[in-house]
Amino acid sequence: MTYAERVEQQREEARRELAAAEQELASGGEAARVRYARALHEADLAEARAQRHAREDWRHQHSWRLVAG
């Protein structure tokens, strides 16, 4: 599995966990609120990681274009 695939897999897992936490949030318990907060934080981190990887990949591709002519 490549790094890009792992990043995408982590992002999808974080989104699924966030969706599950949102459904549980309706119960109104303290544990549900904590799970939702953690899931939201993890989803934010996964999204930022995926965006950073996309930027780095784009920069890498364009830097090689300049060298290759």
C-alpha atoms as a PDB file:
ATOM      1  CA  MET A   1       0.000   0.000   0.000  1.00  0.00           C
ATOM      2  CA  THR A   2       1.402   3.382  -0.950  1.00  0.00           C
ATOM      3  CA  TYR A   3       1.476   6.420   1.279  1.00  0.00           C
ATOM      4  CA  ALA A   4      -1.253   8.057  -0.802  1.00  0.00           C
ATOM      5  CA  GLU A   5      -3.490   5.015  -0.363  1.00  0.00           C
ATOM      6  CA  ARG A   6      -2.899   5.001   3.402  1.00  0.00           C
ATOM      7  CA  VAL A   7      -3.726   8.703   3.621  1.00  0.00           C
ATOM      8  CA  GLU A   8      -6.949   8.175   1.672  1.00  0.00           C
ATOM      9  CA  GLN A   9      -7.854   5.130   3.766  1.00  0.00           C
ATOM     10  CA  GLN A  10      -7.312   7.090   6.986  1.00  0.00           C
ATOM     11  CA  ARG A  11      -9.467   9.918   5.663  1.00  0.00           C
ATOM     12  CA  GLU A  12     -12.297   7.517   4.793  1.00  0.00           C
ATOM     13  CA  GLU A  13     -12.062   5.791   8.186  1.00  0.00           C
ATOM     14  CA  ALA A  14     -12.170   9.166   9.937  1.00  0.00           C
ATOM     15  CA  ARG A  15     -15.241  10.169   7.937  1.00  0.00           C
ATOM     16  CA  ARG A  16     -17.011   6.902   8.810  1.00  0.00           C
ATOM     17  CA  GLU A  17     -16.157   7.316  12.500  1.00  0.00           C
ATOM     18  CA  LEU A  18     -17.431  10.898  12.419  1.00  0.00           C
ATOM     19  CA  ALA A  19     -20.704   9.809  10.817  1.00  0.00           C
ATOM     20  CA  ALA A  20     -21.164   7.096  13.459  1.00  0.00           C
ATOM     21  CA  ALA A  21     -20.343   9.563  16.236  1.00  0.00           C
ATOM     22  CA  GLU A  22     -22.876  12.053  14.845  1.00  0.00           C
ATOM     23  CA  GLN A  23     -25.592   9.396  14.974  1.00  0.00           C
ATOM     24  CA  GLU A  24     -24.645   8.497  18.547  1.00  0.00           C
ATOM     25  CA  LEU A  25     -24.614  12.169  19.522  1.00  0.00           C
ATOM     26  CA  ALA A  26     -28.407  12.187  19.439  1.00  0.00           C
ATOM     27  CA  SER A  27     -28.380  10.059  22.611  1.00  0.00           C
ATOM     28  CA  GLY A  28     -26.981  13.097  24.417  1.00  0.00           C
ATOM     29  CA  GLY A  29     -24.644  11.229  26.743  1.00  0.00           C
ATOM     30  CA  GLU A  30     -21.253  12.467  27.852  1.00  0.00           C
ATOM     31  CA  ALA A  31     -19.531   9.536  26.135  1.00  0.00           C
ATOM     32  CA  ALA A  32     -21.271  10.416  22.871  1.00  0.00           C
ATOM     33  CA  ARG A  33     -20.067  14.012  23.085  1.00  0.00           C
ATOM     34  CA  VAL A  34     -16.500  12.882  23.806  1.00  0.00           C
ATOM     35  CA  ARG A  35     -16.593  10.387  20.929  1.00  0.00           C
ATOM     36  CA  TYR A  36     -17.914  13.074  18.594  1.00  0.00           C
ATOM     37  CA  ALA A  37     -15.238  15.575  19.638  1.00  0.00           C
ATOM     38  CA  ARG A  38     -12.497  12.984  19.144  1.00  0.00           C
ATOM     39  CA  ALA A  39     -13.922  11.883  15.782  1.00  0.00           C
ATOM     40  CA  LEU A  40     -14.176  15.483  14.619  1.00  0.00           C
ATOM     41  CA  HIS A  41     -10.567  16.124  15.625  1.00  0.00           C
ATOM     42  CA  GLU A  42      -9.355  12.955  13.875  1.00  0.00           C
ATOM     43  CA  ALA A  43     -11.321  13.849  10.737  1.00  0.00           C
ATOM     44  CA  ASP A  44      -9.749  17.311  10.700  1.00  0.00           C
ATOM     45  CA  LEU A  45      -6.271  15.803  11.063  1.00  0.00           C
ATOM     46  CA  ALA A  46      -6.905  13.248   8.313  1.00  0.00           C
ATOM     47  CA  GLU A  47      -8.221  15.935   5.968  1.00  0.00           C
ATOM     48  CA  ALA A  48      -5.222  18.176   6.624  1.00  0.00           C
ATOM     49  CA  ARG A  49      -2.874  15.230   6.042  1.00  0.00           C
ATOM     50  CA  ALA A  50      -4.577  14.428   2.733  1.00  0.00           C
ATOM     51  CA  GLN A  51      -4.431  18.055   1.600  1.00  0.00           C
ATOM     52  CA  ARG A  52      -0.757  18.309   2.557  1.00  0.00           C
ATOM     53  CA  HIS A  53       0.010  15.140   0.625  1.00  0.00           C
ATOM     54  CA  ALA A  54      -1.838  16.470  -2.419  1.00  0.00           C
ATOM     55  CA  ARG A  55       0.162  19.729  -2.282  1.00  0.00           C
ATOM     56  CA  GLU A  56       3.455  17.879  -1.902  1.00  0.00           C
ATOM     57  CA  ASP A  57       2.588  15.541  -4.764  1.00  0.00           C
ATOM     58  CA  TRP A  58       1.659  18.497  -6.969  1.00  0.00           C
ATOM     59  CA  ARG A  59       4.914  20.293  -6.118  1.00  0.00           C
ATOM     60  CA  HIS A  60       6.930  17.168  -6.806  1.00  0.00           C
ATOM     61  CA  GLN A  61       5.279  16.672 -10.197  1.00  0.00           C
ATOM     62  CA  HIS A  62       5.824  20.288 -11.222  1.00  0.00           C
ATOM     63  CA  SER A  63       9.398  20.435  -9.989  1.00  0.00           C
ATOM     64  CA  TRP A  64      10.277  17.439 -12.166  1.00  0.00           C
ATOM     65  CA  ARG A  65       8.614  19.036 -15.169  1.00  0.00           C
ATOM     66  CA  LEU A  66      10.951  21.987 -14.837  1.00  0.00           C
ATOM     67  CA  VAL A  67      13.992  19.717 -14.695  1.00  0.00           C
ATOM     68  CA  ALA A  68      12.818  17.483 -17.536  1.00  0.00           C
ATOM     69  CA  GLY A  69      12.154  20.448 -19.778  1.00  0.00           C
END
